[in-house]
Amino acid sequence: VGIGIDSAIHVFHRYREEGIENLSFVLKTTGGAVLFSALTTFVGFISLAFAKHNGMKSIGEMASVGIITVTVANIILFPLIITYLYKKAKESKKS
């Protein structure tokens, strides 16, 4: 959860700095940093999935699933939501 919140804040902050026109640039730069940050954490937790202790194994599995989920949400879903809300706000200002 912490990685997901931090990553979303970084992506949103860069989006606010760069603007909607440069969202692809934000995803290439900040999105890449978010991806590699999550990847390094994922590698650490996935190694626990191979532990013999069932408790450690389940922690490794669940943390790995969580890291993948929040990373996909922050790199794919969150920018889509930002774009949708921006277009909706722009349309409502025209009316």
N, C-alpha and C. Protein backbone atom coordinates (compact mmCIF):
# COMPACT_ATOMS: atom_id res chain seq x y z
N VAL A 1 0.83 -1.19 0.00
CA VAL A 1 0.00 0.00 0.00
C VAL A 1 0.88 1.25 0.00
N GLY A 2 1.92 1.25 0.78
CA GLY A 2 2.81 2.41 0.85
C GLY A 2 3.48 2.72 -0.48
N ILE A 3 3.92 1.68 -1.16
CA ILE A 3 4.54 1.88 -2.47
C ILE A 3 3.53 2.44 -3.46
N GLY A 4 2.31 1.95 -3.40
CA GLY A 4 1.27 2.43 -4.30
C GLY A 4 0.94 3.89 -4.07
N ILE A 5 0.86 4.30 -2.82
CA ILE A 5 0.56 5.71 -2.51
C ILE A 5 1.71 6.60 -2.95
N ASP A 6 2.92 6.22 -2.60
CA ASP A 6 4.09 7.02 -2.99
C ASP A 6 4.19 7.16 -4.51
N SER A 7 4.01 6.07 -5.19
CA SER A 7 4.11 6.09 -6.66
C SER A 7 3.04 6.97 -7.28
N ALA A 8 1.82 6.87 -6.77
CA ALA A 8 0.74 7.70 -7.29
C ALA A 8 1.02 9.18 -7.05
N ILE A 9 1.57 9.51 -5.90
CA ILE A 9 1.91 10.91 -5.60
C ILE A 9 2.98 11.40 -6.57
N HIS A 10 3.99 10.59 -6.82
CA HIS A 10 5.06 11.00 -7.75
C HIS A 10 4.52 11.21 -9.16
N VAL A 11 3.70 10.29 -9.63
CA VAL A 11 3.13 10.41 -10.98
C VAL A 11 2.24 11.64 -11.06
N PHE A 12 1.38 11.85 -10.08
CA PHE A 12 0.46 12.99 -10.10
C PHE A 12 1.22 14.31 -10.00
N HIS A 13 2.23 14.35 -9.16
CA HIS A 13 3.01 15.58 -9.01
C HIS A 13 3.69 15.94 -10.33
N ARG A 14 4.29 14.96 -10.98
CA ARG A 14 4.92 15.23 -12.28
C ARG A 14 3.91 15.62 -13.34
N TYR A 15 2.73 15.00 -13.30
CA TYR A 15 1.66 15.39 -14.23
C TYR A 15 1.28 16.85 -14.01
N ARG A 16 1.18 17.26 -12.75
CA ARG A 16 0.83 18.66 -12.46
C ARG A 16 1.92 19.62 -12.92
N GLU A 17 3.17 19.21 -12.84
CA GLU A 17 4.28 20.05 -13.30
C GLU A 17 4.34 20.13 -14.82
N GLU A 18 4.16 19.00 -15.48
CA GLU A 18 4.36 18.92 -16.93
C GLU A 18 3.09 19.22 -17.73
N GLY A 19 1.92 18.97 -17.17
CA GLY A 19 0.67 19.19 -17.88
C GLY A 19 0.20 17.95 -18.60
N ILE A 20 -1.05 17.99 -19.01
CA ILE A 20 -1.67 16.83 -19.66
C ILE A 20 -1.04 16.55 -21.02
N GLU A 21 -0.53 17.58 -21.67
CA GLU A 21 0.07 17.40 -22.99
C GLU A 21 1.31 16.51 -22.93
N ASN A 22 1.98 16.51 -21.80
CA ASN A 22 3.23 15.76 -21.65
C ASN A 22 3.06 14.52 -20.77
N LEU A 23 1.85 13.99 -20.72
CA LEU A 23 1.61 12.82 -19.87
C LEU A 23 2.43 11.62 -20.33
N SER A 24 2.63 11.48 -21.63
CA SER A 24 3.46 10.36 -22.10
C SER A 24 4.91 10.53 -21.64
N PHE A 25 5.41 11.77 -21.61
CA PHE A 25 6.75 12.04 -21.09
C PHE A 25 6.83 11.70 -19.60
N VAL A 26 5.80 12.08 -18.87
CA VAL A 26 5.75 11.78 -17.43
C VAL A 26 5.79 10.28 -17.21
N LEU A 27 5.05 9.54 -18.03
CA LEU A 27 5.04 8.09 -17.87
C LEU A 27 6.36 7.45 -18.27
N LYS A 28 7.05 8.04 -19.23
CA LYS A 28 8.36 7.51 -19.62
C LYS A 28 9.40 7.75 -18.54
N THR A 29 9.37 8.92 -17.93
CA THR A 29 10.39 9.26 -16.94
C THR A 29 9.99 8.80 -15.54
N THR A 30 8.96 9.39 -14.99
CA THR A 30 8.53 9.03 -13.64
C THR A 30 7.95 7.62 -13.61
N GLY A 31 7.22 7.25 -14.66
CA GLY A 31 6.68 5.90 -14.73
C GLY A 31 7.78 4.85 -14.74
N GLY A 32 8.88 5.15 -15.42
CA GLY A 32 10.02 4.23 -15.42
C GLY A 32 10.64 4.09 -14.05
N ALA A 33 10.75 5.22 -13.35
CA ALA A 33 11.30 5.18 -11.98
C ALA A 33 10.37 4.40 -11.06
N VAL A 34 9.08 4.61 -11.21
CA VAL A 34 8.09 3.87 -10.41
C VAL A 34 8.19 2.38 -10.70
N LEU A 35 8.31 2.03 -11.97
CA LEU A 35 8.40 0.63 -12.36
C LEU A 35 9.64 -0.04 -11.78
N PHE A 36 10.79 0.59 -11.90
CA PHE A 36 12.02 -0.03 -11.40
C PHE A 36 12.08 -0.05 -9.87
N SER A 37 11.49 0.94 -9.25
CA SER A 37 11.40 0.92 -7.79
C SER A 37 10.55 -0.25 -7.32
N ALA A 38 9.41 -0.44 -7.98
CA ALA A 38 8.54 -1.56 -7.63
C ALA A 38 9.21 -2.89 -7.96
N LEU A 39 9.96 -2.92 -9.06
CA LEU A 39 10.63 -4.15 -9.46
C LEU A 39 11.65 -4.61 -8.42
N THR A 40 12.41 -3.67 -7.90
CA THR A 40 13.41 -4.05 -6.89
C THR A 40 12.75 -4.55 -5.61
N THR A 41 11.65 -3.92 -5.23
CA THR A 41 10.93 -4.38 -4.05
C THR A 41 10.27 -5.73 -4.31
N PHE A 42 9.75 -5.89 -5.52
CA PHE A 42 9.12 -7.16 -5.91
C PHE A 42 10.12 -8.31 -5.82
N VAL A 43 11.32 -8.09 -6.31
CA VAL A 43 12.33 -9.15 -6.29
C VAL A 43 12.63 -9.57 -4.85
N GLY A 44 12.69 -8.59 -3.95
CA GLY A 44 12.93 -8.92 -2.54
C GLY A 44 11.81 -9.76 -1.94
N PHE A 45 10.58 -9.38 -2.24
CA PHE A 45 9.45 -10.11 -1.65
C PHE A 45 9.17 -11.44 -2.35
N ILE A 46 9.39 -11.51 -3.64
CA ILE A 46 9.13 -12.78 -4.34
C ILE A 46 10.10 -13.87 -3.86
N SER A 47 11.26 -13.46 -3.40
CA SER A 47 12.19 -14.46 -2.88
C SER A 47 11.63 -15.13 -1.64
N LEU A 48 10.78 -14.42 -0.90
CA LEU A 48 10.15 -15.04 0.27
C LEU A 48 9.14 -16.11 -0.13
N ALA A 49 8.62 -16.02 -1.33
CA ALA A 49 7.63 -17.00 -1.79
C ALA A 49 8.23 -18.39 -1.92
N PHE A 50 9.54 -18.49 -1.93
CA PHE A 50 10.21 -19.78 -2.05
C PHE A 50 10.72 -20.30 -0.71
N ALA A 51 10.31 -19.65 0.37
CA ALA A 51 10.72 -20.08 1.70
C ALA A 51 10.00 -21.37 2.09
N LYS A 52 10.59 -22.12 2.99
CA LYS A 52 9.97 -23.36 3.44
C LYS A 52 8.90 -23.08 4.50
N HIS A 53 9.04 -21.99 5.21
CA HIS A 53 8.07 -21.62 6.24
C HIS A 53 6.82 -21.06 5.56
N ASN A 54 5.66 -21.63 5.86
CA ASN A 54 4.42 -21.23 5.19
C ASN A 54 4.05 -19.78 5.45
N GLY A 55 4.33 -19.28 6.62
CA GLY A 55 4.03 -17.89 6.92
C GLY A 55 4.85 -16.93 6.06
N MET A 56 6.14 -17.19 5.97
CA MET A 56 7.01 -16.36 5.13
C MET A 56 6.63 -16.49 3.65
N LYS A 57 6.27 -17.70 3.27
CA LYS A 57 5.88 -17.95 1.88
C LYS A 57 4.63 -17.13 1.53
N SER A 58 3.64 -17.14 2.40
CA SER A 58 2.40 -16.42 2.10
C SER A 58 2.63 -14.90 2.10
N ILE A 59 3.49 -14.42 2.98
CA ILE A 59 3.82 -12.99 2.98
C ILE A 59 4.47 -12.61 1.65
N GLY A 60 5.40 -13.42 1.20
CA GLY A 60 6.06 -13.16 -0.07
C GLY A 60 5.11 -13.17 -1.25
N GLU A 61 4.20 -14.13 -1.25
CA GLU A 61 3.23 -14.21 -2.34
C GLU A 61 2.27 -13.03 -2.35
N MET A 62 1.71 -12.71 -1.20
CA MET A 62 0.72 -11.63 -1.13
C MET A 62 1.36 -10.26 -1.36
N ALA A 63 2.55 -10.04 -0.82
CA ALA A 63 3.22 -8.76 -1.06
C ALA A 63 3.57 -8.61 -2.53
N SER A 64 3.98 -9.67 -3.17
CA SER A 64 4.31 -9.63 -4.59
C SER A 64 3.08 -9.30 -5.44
N VAL A 65 1.97 -9.92 -5.13
CA VAL A 65 0.72 -9.63 -5.84
C VAL A 65 0.32 -8.17 -5.62
N GLY A 66 0.46 -7.70 -4.40
CA GLY A 66 0.13 -6.30 -4.10
C GLY A 66 1.01 -5.32 -4.85
N ILE A 67 2.30 -5.60 -4.91
CA ILE A 67 3.22 -4.71 -5.62
C ILE A 67 2.89 -4.66 -7.10
N ILE A 68 2.61 -5.80 -7.68
CA ILE A 68 2.24 -5.84 -9.11
C ILE A 68 0.95 -5.05 -9.34
N THR A 69 -0.02 -5.25 -8.47
CA THR A 69 -1.32 -4.60 -8.63
C THR A 69 -1.20 -3.08 -8.55
N VAL A 70 -0.52 -2.56 -7.54
CA VAL A 70 -0.43 -1.11 -7.41
C VAL A 70 0.44 -0.50 -8.50
N THR A 71 1.42 -1.23 -8.97
CA THR A 71 2.27 -0.71 -10.05
C THR A 71 1.48 -0.62 -11.36
N VAL A 72 0.71 -1.64 -11.67
CA VAL A 72 -0.13 -1.60 -12.87
C VAL A 72 -1.15 -0.48 -12.75
N ALA A 73 -1.73 -0.32 -11.57
CA ALA A 73 -2.72 0.75 -11.37
C ALA A 73 -2.08 2.12 -11.55
N ASN A 74 -0.88 2.31 -11.05
CA ASN A 74 -0.23 3.62 -11.13
C ASN A 74 0.33 3.94 -12.51
N ILE A 75 0.68 2.94 -13.27
CA ILE A 75 1.28 3.19 -14.58
C ILE A 75 0.23 3.16 -15.70
N ILE A 76 -0.83 2.39 -15.52
CA ILE A 76 -1.84 2.27 -16.58
C ILE A 76 -3.16 2.92 -16.18
N LEU A 77 -3.74 2.48 -15.08
CA LEU A 77 -5.07 2.93 -14.70
C LEU A 77 -5.10 4.40 -14.27
N PHE A 78 -4.17 4.82 -13.45
CA PHE A 78 -4.14 6.18 -12.94
C PHE A 78 -4.01 7.22 -14.05
N PRO A 79 -3.10 7.06 -15.02
CA PRO A 79 -3.06 8.02 -16.13
C PRO A 79 -4.34 8.05 -16.96
N LEU A 80 -4.99 6.90 -17.12
CA LEU A 80 -6.26 6.88 -17.83
C LEU A 80 -7.33 7.68 -17.09
N ILE A 81 -7.35 7.55 -15.78
CA ILE A 81 -8.31 8.31 -14.97
C ILE A 81 -8.00 9.80 -15.04
N ILE A 82 -6.73 10.16 -14.96
CA ILE A 82 -6.34 11.57 -15.06
C ILE A 82 -6.79 12.14 -16.40
N THR A 83 -6.54 11.42 -17.48
CA THR A 83 -6.93 11.89 -18.82
C THR A 83 -8.45 12.02 -18.93
N TYR A 84 -9.17 11.05 -18.44
CA TYR A 84 -10.63 11.09 -18.49
C TYR A 84 -11.17 12.29 -17.73
N LEU A 85 -10.69 12.50 -16.51
CA LEU A 85 -11.17 13.62 -15.70
C LEU A 85 -10.80 14.96 -16.31
N TYR A 86 -9.62 15.04 -16.92
CA TYR A 86 -9.21 16.28 -17.58
C TYR A 86 -10.14 16.59 -18.75
N LYS A 87 -10.43 15.59 -19.58
CA LYS A 87 -11.31 15.80 -20.73
C LYS A 87 -12.73 16.15 -20.28
N LYS A 88 -13.19 15.50 -19.22
CA LYS A 88 -14.53 15.78 -18.70
C LYS A 88 -14.61 17.21 -18.16
N ALA A 89 -13.59 17.65 -17.45
CA ALA A 89 -13.56 19.01 -16.92
C ALA A 89 -13.48 20.03 -18.05
N LYS A 90 -12.72 19.72 -19.08
CA LYS A 90 -12.59 20.62 -20.23
C LYS A 90 -13.92 20.76 -20.97
N GLU A 91 -14.64 19.64 -21.13
CA GLU A 91 -15.94 19.67 -21.78
C GLU A 91 -16.96 20.45 -20.97
N SER A 92 -16.92 20.31 -19.65
CA SER A 92 -17.89 21.02 -18.82
C SER A 92 -17.62 22.52 -18.81
N LYS A 93 -16.38 22.94 -19.02
CA LYS A 93 -16.06 24.37 -19.08
C LYS A 93 -16.56 24.97 -20.39
N LYS A 94 -16.62 24.16 -21.45
CA LYS A 94 -17.13 24.65 -22.73
C LYS A 94 -18.62 24.93 -22.69
N SER A 95 -19.32 24.15 -21.89
CA SER A 95 -20.79 24.27 -21.82
C SER A 95 -21.25 25.50 -21.10
